[in-house]
Amino acid sequence: MGKIDKQKEFIGYLKVIFSILIAIDVSLVAWIFKNSNTMTGLEIIVPSIIVLLVTIALIYANKTILQKIDQLEEM
């Protein structure tokens, strides 16, 4: 397998992870808004921190995908 093909496969893998993270992020936000009336302080803080961590992972995955695409252009 050539270097370009390997980069393309890695970009595809990162896109799958990116899609899964988006689904998790949206689902968690919707769940928090749906149940926010019955939750106490700690029950809101922990899921909010998880949403923040998933969002940071999304940003990191997006940056990595864009960097790999730029590297692919240079090949």
PDB file of N, CA and C in Angstrom:
ATOM      1  N   MET A   1       0.849  -1.166   0.000  1.00  0.00           N
ATOM      2  CA  MET A   1       0.000   0.000   0.000  1.00  0.00           C
ATOM      3  C   MET A   1       0.896   1.231   0.000  1.00  0.00           C
ATOM      4  N   GLY A   2       0.591   2.141  -0.896  1.00  0.00           N
ATOM      5  CA  GLY A   2       1.387   3.352  -1.000  1.00  0.00           C
ATOM      6  C   GLY A   2       1.115   4.321   0.134  1.00  0.00           C
ATOM      7  N   LYS A   3       1.992   5.300   0.231  1.00  0.00           N
ATOM      8  CA  LYS A   3       1.873   6.301   1.293  1.00  0.00           C
ATOM      9  C   LYS A   3       0.582   7.112   1.162  1.00  0.00           C
ATOM     10  N   ILE A   4       0.208   7.422  -0.077  1.00  0.00           N
ATOM     11  CA  ILE A   4      -1.015   8.199  -0.303  1.00  0.00           C
ATOM     12  C   ILE A   4      -2.240   7.388   0.110  1.00  0.00           C
ATOM     13  N   ASP A   5      -2.257   6.109  -0.256  1.00  0.00           N
ATOM     14  CA  ASP A   5      -3.391   5.264   0.117  1.00  0.00           C
ATOM     15  C   ASP A   5      -3.511   5.117   1.629  1.00  0.00           C
ATOM     16  N   LYS A   6      -2.390   5.028   2.296  1.00  0.00           N
ATOM     17  CA  LYS A   6      -2.389   4.913   3.755  1.00  0.00           C
ATOM     18  C   LYS A   6      -2.960   6.185   4.389  1.00  0.00           C
ATOM     19  N   GLN A   7      -2.572   7.341   3.853  1.00  0.00           N
ATOM     20  CA  GLN A   7      -3.098   8.613   4.360  1.00  0.00           C
ATOM     21  C   GLN A   7      -4.612   8.702   4.135  1.00  0.00           C
ATOM     22  N   LYS A   8      -5.069   8.266   2.963  1.00  0.00           N
ATOM     23  CA  LYS A   8      -6.497   8.305   2.664  1.00  0.00           C
ATOM     24  C   LYS A   8      -7.276   7.395   3.612  1.00  0.00           C
ATOM     25  N   GLU A   9      -6.754   6.226   3.887  1.00  0.00           N
ATOM     26  CA  GLU A   9      -7.410   5.307   4.821  1.00  0.00           C
ATOM     27  C   GLU A   9      -7.466   5.904   6.221  1.00  0.00           C
ATOM     28  N   PHE A  10      -6.381   6.558   6.647  1.00  0.00           N
ATOM     29  CA  PHE A  10      -6.362   7.173   7.966  1.00  0.00           C
ATOM     30  C   PHE A  10      -7.366   8.319   8.047  1.00  0.00           C
ATOM     31  N   ILE A  11      -7.486   9.104   6.990  1.00  0.00           N
ATOM     32  CA  ILE A  11      -8.469  10.189   6.951  1.00  0.00           C
ATOM     33  C   ILE A  11      -9.880   9.607   7.035  1.00  0.00           C
ATOM     34  N   GLY A  12     -10.131   8.521   6.320  1.00  0.00           N
ATOM     35  CA  GLY A  12     -11.433   7.873   6.393  1.00  0.00           C
ATOM     36  C   GLY A  12     -11.750   7.378   7.799  1.00  0.00           C
ATOM     37  N   TYR A  13     -10.754   6.801   8.462  1.00  0.00           N
ATOM     38  CA  TYR A  13     -10.912   6.336   9.835  1.00  0.00           C
ATOM     39  C   TYR A  13     -11.226   7.511  10.767  1.00  0.00           C
ATOM     40  N   LEU A  14     -10.521   8.607  10.596  1.00  0.00           N
ATOM     41  CA  LEU A  14     -10.774   9.785  11.425  1.00  0.00           C
ATOM     42  C   LEU A  14     -12.167  10.360  11.172  1.00  0.00           C
ATOM     43  N   LYS A  15     -12.646  10.280   9.943  1.00  0.00           N
ATOM     44  CA  LYS A  15     -13.992  10.771   9.647  1.00  0.00           C
ATOM     45  C   LYS A  15     -15.056   9.938  10.346  1.00  0.00           C
ATOM     46  N   VAL A  16     -14.827   8.636  10.461  1.00  0.00           N
ATOM     47  CA  VAL A  16     -15.766   7.776  11.188  1.00  0.00           C
ATOM     48  C   VAL A  16     -15.782   8.159  12.669  1.00  0.00           C
ATOM     49  N   ILE A  17     -14.610   8.337  13.243  1.00  0.00           N
ATOM     50  CA  ILE A  17     -14.528   8.756  14.644  1.00  0.00           C
ATOM     51  C   ILE A  17     -15.192  10.112  14.836  1.00  0.00           C
ATOM     52  N   PHE A  18     -14.971  11.033  13.900  1.00  0.00           N
ATOM     53  CA  PHE A  18     -15.574  12.362  13.963  1.00  0.00           C
ATOM     54  C   PHE A  18     -17.096  12.255  13.959  1.00  0.00           C
ATOM     55  N   SER A  19     -17.636  11.412  13.099  1.00  0.00           N
ATOM     56  CA  SER A  19     -19.094  11.236  13.017  1.00  0.00           C
ATOM     57  C   SER A  19     -19.658  10.655  14.303  1.00  0.00           C
ATOM     58  N   ILE A  20     -18.970   9.684  14.875  1.00  0.00           N
ATOM     59  CA  ILE A  20     -19.420   9.089  16.133  1.00  0.00           C
ATOM     60  C   ILE A  20     -19.399  10.120  17.254  1.00  0.00           C
ATOM     61  N   LEU A  21     -18.359  10.931  17.306  1.00  0.00           N
ATOM     62  CA  LEU A  21     -18.266  11.972  18.338  1.00  0.00           C
ATOM     63  C   LEU A  21     -19.374  13.009  18.186  1.00  0.00           C
ATOM     64  N   ILE A  22     -19.732  13.350  16.955  1.00  0.00           N
ATOM     65  CA  ILE A  22     -20.834  14.297  16.729  1.00  0.00           C
ATOM     66  C   ILE A  22     -22.132  13.709  17.259  1.00  0.00           C
ATOM     67  N   ALA A  23     -22.383  12.433  16.954  1.00  0.00           N
ATOM     68  CA  ALA A  23     -23.609  11.792  17.427  1.00  0.00           C
ATOM     69  C   ALA A  23     -23.662  11.761  18.957  1.00  0.00           C
ATOM     70  N   ILE A  24     -22.538  11.441  19.588  1.00  0.00           N
ATOM     71  CA  ILE A  24     -22.485  11.413  21.051  1.00  0.00           C
ATOM     72  C   ILE A  24     -22.720  12.801  21.624  1.00  0.00           C
ATOM     73  N   ASP A  25     -22.080  13.804  21.049  1.00  0.00           N
ATOM     74  CA  ASP A  25     -22.198  15.182  21.539  1.00  0.00           C
ATOM     75  C   ASP A  25     -23.640  15.672  21.445  1.00  0.00           C
ATOM     76  N   VAL A  26     -24.254  15.497  20.299  1.00  0.00           N
ATOM     77  CA  VAL A  26     -25.638  15.953  20.101  1.00  0.00           C
ATOM     78  C   VAL A  26     -26.586  15.201  21.034  1.00  0.00           C
ATOM     79  N   SER A  27     -26.387  13.905  21.171  1.00  0.00           N
ATOM     80  CA  SER A  27     -27.253  13.110  22.047  1.00  0.00           C
ATOM     81  C   SER A  27     -27.127  13.541  23.505  1.00  0.00           C
ATOM     82  N   LEU A  28     -25.912  13.790  23.952  1.00  0.00           N
ATOM     83  CA  LEU A  28     -25.720  14.230  25.337  1.00  0.00           C
ATOM     84  C   LEU A  28     -26.345  15.593  25.597  1.00  0.00           C
ATOM     85  N   VAL A  29     -26.174  16.511  24.671  1.00  0.00           N
ATOM     86  CA  VAL A  29     -26.772  17.842  24.835  1.00  0.00           C
ATOM     87  C   VAL A  29     -28.294  17.735  24.882  1.00  0.00           C
ATOM     88  N   ALA A  30     -28.873  16.945  23.979  1.00  0.00           N
ATOM     89  CA  ALA A  30     -30.325  16.762  23.978  1.00  0.00           C
ATOM     90  C   ALA A  30     -30.798  16.113  25.276  1.00  0.00           C
ATOM     91  N   TRP A  31     -30.059  15.128  25.771  1.00  0.00           N
ATOM     92  CA  TRP A  31     -30.429  14.466  27.007  1.00  0.00           C
ATOM     93  C   TRP A  31     -30.368  15.432  28.191  1.00  0.00           C
ATOM     94  N   ILE A  32     -29.338  16.262  28.217  1.00  0.00           N
ATOM     95  CA  ILE A  32     -29.217  17.245  29.308  1.00  0.00           C
ATOM     96  C   ILE A  32     -30.401  18.209  29.285  1.00  0.00           C
ATOM     97  N   PHE A  33     -30.753  18.738  28.098  1.00  0.00           N
ATOM     98  CA  PHE A  33     -31.874  19.676  28.024  1.00  0.00           C
ATOM     99  C   PHE A  33     -33.198  19.003  28.364  1.00  0.00           C
ATOM    100  N   LYS A  34     -33.367  17.762  27.970  1.00  0.00           N
ATOM    101  CA  LYS A  34     -34.606  17.047  28.247  1.00  0.00           C
ATOM    102  C   LYS A  34     -34.781  16.789  29.740  1.00  0.00           C
ATOM    103  N   ASN A  35     -33.700  16.469  30.428  1.00  0.00           N
ATOM    104  CA  ASN A  35     -33.787  16.092  31.839  1.00  0.00           C
ATOM    105  C   ASN A  35     -33.324  17.180  32.796  1.00  0.00           C
ATOM    106  N   SER A  36     -33.068  18.367  32.313  1.00  0.00           N
ATOM    107  CA  SER A  36     -32.510  19.409  33.180  1.00  0.00           C
ATOM    108  C   SER A  36     -33.469  19.849  34.281  1.00  0.00           C
ATOM    109  N   ASN A  37     -34.761  19.692  34.084  1.00  0.00           N
ATOM    110  CA  ASN A  37     -35.720  20.110  35.112  1.00  0.00           C
ATOM    111  C   ASN A  37     -35.674  19.220  36.339  1.00  0.00           C
ATOM    112  N   THR A  38     -35.318  17.962  36.162  1.00  0.00           N
ATOM    113  CA  THR A  38     -35.336  17.019  37.284  1.00  0.00           C
ATOM    114  C   THR A  38     -33.945  16.742  37.853  1.00  0.00           C
ATOM    115  N   MET A  39     -32.923  17.351  37.299  1.00  0.00           N
ATOM    116  CA  MET A  39     -31.555  17.072  37.732  1.00  0.00           C
ATOM    117  C   MET A  39     -31.114  18.055  38.808  1.00  0.00           C
ATOM    118  N   THR A  40     -30.245  17.567  39.695  1.00  0.00           N
ATOM    119  CA  THR A  40     -29.647  18.445  40.698  1.00  0.00           C
ATOM    120  C   THR A  40     -28.331  18.988  40.146  1.00  0.00           C
ATOM    121  N   GLY A  41     -27.629  19.758  40.950  1.00  0.00           N
ATOM    122  CA  GLY A  41     -26.400  20.411  40.505  1.00  0.00           C
ATOM    123  C   GLY A  41     -25.344  19.470  39.970  1.00  0.00           C
ATOM    124  N   LEU A  42     -25.015  18.433  40.731  1.00  0.00           N
ATOM    125  CA  LEU A  42     -23.971  17.497  40.322  1.00  0.00           C
ATOM    126  C   LEU A  42     -24.408  16.675  39.105  1.00  0.00           C
ATOM    127  N   GLU A  43     -25.687  16.384  39.029  1.00  0.00           N
ATOM    128  CA  GLU A  43     -26.202  15.620  37.890  1.00  0.00           C
ATOM    129  C   GLU A  43     -26.172  16.423  36.590  1.00  0.00           C
ATOM    130  N   ILE A  44     -26.073  17.714  36.682  1.00  0.00           N
ATOM    131  CA  ILE A  44     -25.934  18.558  35.485  1.00  0.00           C
ATOM    132  C   ILE A  44     -24.462  18.809  35.180  1.00  0.00           C
ATOM    133  N   ILE A  45     -23.653  18.959  36.220  1.00  0.00           N
ATOM    134  CA  ILE A  45     -22.240  19.292  36.029  1.00  0.00           C
ATOM    135  C   ILE A  45     -21.471  18.163  35.353  1.00  0.00           C
ATOM    136  N   VAL A  46     -21.670  16.929  35.802  1.00  0.00           N
ATOM    137  CA  VAL A  46     -20.913  15.797  35.243  1.00  0.00           C
ATOM    138  C   VAL A  46     -21.206  15.600  33.756  1.00  0.00           C
ATOM    139  N   PRO A  47     -22.476  15.521  33.327  1.00  0.00           N
ATOM    140  CA  PRO A  47     -22.715  15.403  31.880  1.00  0.00           C
ATOM    141  C   PRO A  47     -22.217  16.612  31.083  1.00  0.00           C
ATOM    142  N   SER A  48     -22.265  17.792  31.691  1.00  0.00           N
ATOM    143  CA  SER A  48     -21.766  18.983  30.999  1.00  0.00           C
ATOM    144  C   SER A  48     -20.259  18.903  30.774  1.00  0.00           C
ATOM    145  N   ILE A  49     -19.551  18.370  31.759  1.00  0.00           N
ATOM    146  CA  ILE A  49     -18.101  18.174  31.605  1.00  0.00           C
ATOM    147  C   ILE A  49     -17.824  17.147  30.508  1.00  0.00           C
ATOM    148  N   ILE A  50     -18.635  16.095  30.468  1.00  0.00           N
ATOM    149  CA  ILE A  50     -18.469  15.080  29.424  1.00  0.00           C
ATOM    150  C   ILE A  50     -18.723  15.686  28.049  1.00  0.00           C
ATOM    151  N   VAL A  51     -19.747  16.532  27.941  1.00  0.00           N
ATOM    152  CA  VAL A  51     -20.021  17.218  26.666  1.00  0.00           C
ATOM    153  C   VAL A  51     -18.831  18.081  26.279  1.00  0.00           C
ATOM    154  N   LEU A  52     -18.257  18.774  27.238  1.00  0.00           N
ATOM    155  CA  LEU A  52     -17.091  19.610  26.966  1.00  0.00           C
ATOM    156  C   LEU A  52     -15.918  18.762  26.465  1.00  0.00           C
ATOM    157  N   LEU A  53     -15.677  17.628  27.095  1.00  0.00           N
ATOM    158  CA  LEU A  53     -14.579  16.754  26.671  1.00  0.00           C
ATOM    159  C   LEU A  53     -14.821  16.176  25.278  1.00  0.00           C
ATOM    160  N   VAL A  54     -16.051  15.784  24.997  1.00  0.00           N
ATOM    161  CA  VAL A  54     -16.373  15.264  23.661  1.00  0.00           C
ATOM    162  C   VAL A  54     -16.209  16.363  22.615  1.00  0.00           C
ATOM    163  N   THR A  55     -16.612  17.579  22.948  1.00  0.00           N
ATOM    164  CA  THR A  55     -16.456  18.703  22.024  1.00  0.00           C
ATOM    165  C   THR A  55     -14.983  18.997  21.766  1.00  0.00           C
ATOM    166  N   ILE A  56     -14.160  18.924  22.791  1.00  0.00           N
ATOM    167  CA  ILE A  56     -12.718  19.110  22.609  1.00  0.00           C
ATOM    168  C   ILE A  56     -12.148  18.010  21.716  1.00  0.00           C
ATOM    169  N   ALA A  57     -12.612  16.774  21.908  1.00  0.00           N
ATOM    170  CA  ALA A  57     -12.177  15.669  21.052  1.00  0.00           C
ATOM    171  C   ALA A  57     -12.612  15.901  19.603  1.00  0.00           C
ATOM    172  N   LEU A  58     -13.802  16.468  19.408  1.00  0.00           N
ATOM    173  CA  LEU A  58     -14.271  16.804  18.061  1.00  0.00           C
ATOM    174  C   LEU A  58     -13.366  17.841  17.401  1.00  0.00           C
ATOM    175  N   ILE A  59     -13.012  18.857  18.137  1.00  0.00           N
ATOM    176  CA  ILE A  59     -12.134  19.899  17.598  1.00  0.00           C
ATOM    177  C   ILE A  59     -10.774  19.311  17.243  1.00  0.00           C
ATOM    178  N   TYR A  60     -10.248  18.465  18.114  1.00  0.00           N
ATOM    179  CA  TYR A  60      -8.954  17.828  17.858  1.00  0.00           C
ATOM    180  C   TYR A  60      -9.022  16.925  16.626  1.00  0.00           C
ATOM    181  N   ALA A  61     -10.082  16.139  16.515  1.00  0.00           N
ATOM    182  CA  ALA A  61     -10.237  15.257  15.350  1.00  0.00           C
ATOM    183  C   ALA A  61     -10.353  16.080  14.072  1.00  0.00           C
ATOM    184  N   ASN A  62     -11.087  17.180  14.120  1.00  0.00           N
ATOM    185  CA  ASN A  62     -11.228  18.043  12.948  1.00  0.00           C
ATOM    186  C   ASN A  62      -9.891  18.634  12.529  1.00  0.00           C
ATOM    187  N   LYS A  63      -9.114  19.126  13.501  1.00  0.00           N
ATOM    188  CA  LYS A  63      -7.791  19.677  13.187  1.00  0.00           C
ATOM    189  C   LYS A  63      -6.883  18.614  12.577  1.00  0.00           C
ATOM    190  N   THR A  64      -6.944  17.402  13.119  1.00  0.00           N
ATOM    191  CA  THR A  64      -6.114  16.317  12.610  1.00  0.00           C
ATOM    192  C   THR A  64      -6.500  15.950  11.181  1.00  0.00           C
ATOM    193  N   ILE A  65      -7.794  15.893  10.914  1.00  0.00           N
ATOM    194  CA  ILE A  65      -8.268  15.586   9.555  1.00  0.00           C
ATOM    195  C   ILE A  65      -7.775  16.645   8.578  1.00  0.00           C
ATOM    196  N   LEU A  66      -7.907  17.904   8.950  1.00  0.00           N
ATOM    197  CA  LEU A  66      -7.472  18.984   8.058  1.00  0.00           C
ATOM    198  C   LEU A  66      -5.962  18.950   7.829  1.00  0.00           C
ATOM    199  N   GLN A  67      -5.203  18.634   8.873  1.00  0.00           N
ATOM    200  CA  GLN A  67      -3.746  18.517   8.716  1.00  0.00           C
ATOM    201  C   GLN A  67      -3.393  17.368   7.780  1.00  0.00           C
ATOM    202  N   LYS A  68      -4.073  16.248   7.922  1.00  0.00           N
ATOM    203  CA  LYS A  68      -3.795  15.093   7.058  1.00  0.00           C
ATOM    204  C   LYS A  68      -4.163  15.389   5.613  1.00  0.00           C
ATOM    205  N   ILE A  69      -5.229  16.141   5.403  1.00  0.00           N
ATOM    206  CA  ILE A  69      -5.608  16.532   4.040  1.00  0.00           C
ATOM    207  C   ILE A  69      -4.541  17.447   3.445  1.00  0.00           C
ATOM    208  N   ASP A  70      -4.037  18.375   4.246  1.00  0.00           N
ATOM    209  CA  ASP A  70      -2.952  19.251   3.772  1.00  0.00           C
ATOM    210  C   ASP A  70      -1.707  18.450   3.435  1.00  0.00           C
ATOM    211  N   GLN A  71      -1.378  17.464   4.266  1.00  0.00           N
ATOM    212  CA  GLN A  71      -0.229  16.616   3.993  1.00  0.00           C
ATOM    213  C   GLN A  71      -0.440  15.804   2.709  1.00  0.00           C
ATOM    214  N   LEU A  72      -1.682  15.415   2.464  1.00  0.00           N
ATOM    215  CA  LEU A  72      -1.997  14.646   1.260  1.00  0.00           C
ATOM    216  C   LEU A  72      -1.814  15.492   0.012  1.00  0.00           C
ATOM    217  N   GLU A  73      -2.123  16.785   0.106  1.00  0.00           N
ATOM    218  CA  GLU A  73      -1.938  17.696  -1.022  1.00  0.00           C
ATOM    219  C   GLU A  73      -0.459  17.842  -1.376  1.00  0.00           C
ATOM    220  N   GLU A  74       0.405  17.777  -0.358  1.00  0.00           N
ATOM    221  CA  GLU A  74       1.838  17.955  -0.594  1.00  0.00           C
ATOM    222  C   GLU A  74       2.500  16.721  -1.213  1.00  0.00           C
ATOM    223  N   MET A  75       1.846  15.574  -1.149  1.00  0.00           N
ATOM    224  CA  MET A  75       2.450  14.344  -1.663  1.00  0.00           C
ATOM    225  C   MET A  75       2.389  14.277  -3.171  1.00  0.00           C
TER     226      MET A  75
END
